């Protein structure tokens, strides 16, 4: 039977103390065993190849390759991989992208230990587990229209304070095209101006200024 042996877990987080805490919390469970840890997306992919864990606890924001991109890379190489996202962030766009990338669950780091263990067991058994707070954000996201890749690119530059002419120069497109993209962004985000667009996009996790 599948549950007759421990759930072999790969813990991925860029903070050593967080990894240590998660590993200690999981290893005391008789049906769980942390077989590897990783502090970056690249290291996580290599660790997965080496250890083939039953489940990955994946932090959303990692240096270099993000948790979402790492999830997509693992799923591409190992379609049956079970990945549970763990994050302090619950912006609806970030949640949506993670689930679209192939994650089977999404929880926040403030979750109670009992719920963490439940989430691990649920995802390991092939079921989805989404924290109720996260689920509410995800439902909200599904009611919104998606921005195109170019619109997100323009929005990111708007949030950094660039004008249409500067954006046009940076992207090597016509200024009128930038204006059209900005117009579409305002319409899709249901806001009135560029400042509101940037604020909403940051709140929803569509963009981040450190990207």
Foldseek 3Di string as FASTA:
>chain_A
DLQPAAQEEEEEAQDPVLSVVVQVLQCVDRRHHHPYYYNALVRSLVVCVVPVGLEYAFEQQGPDQGSLNSLLVNCVVPVVYAYEYEYQDQQQVSLVSSVVSPHQEYDYPVDDSVVVVVQVVQSSVVHHYYPPVSVVSPVVVVVFDDQDPVLLVLLLVLLVPDDLVVSCVVVVHDSVVSVVSLVVLCVRLVHDDSVVSNVSCCRNVSDDNVD
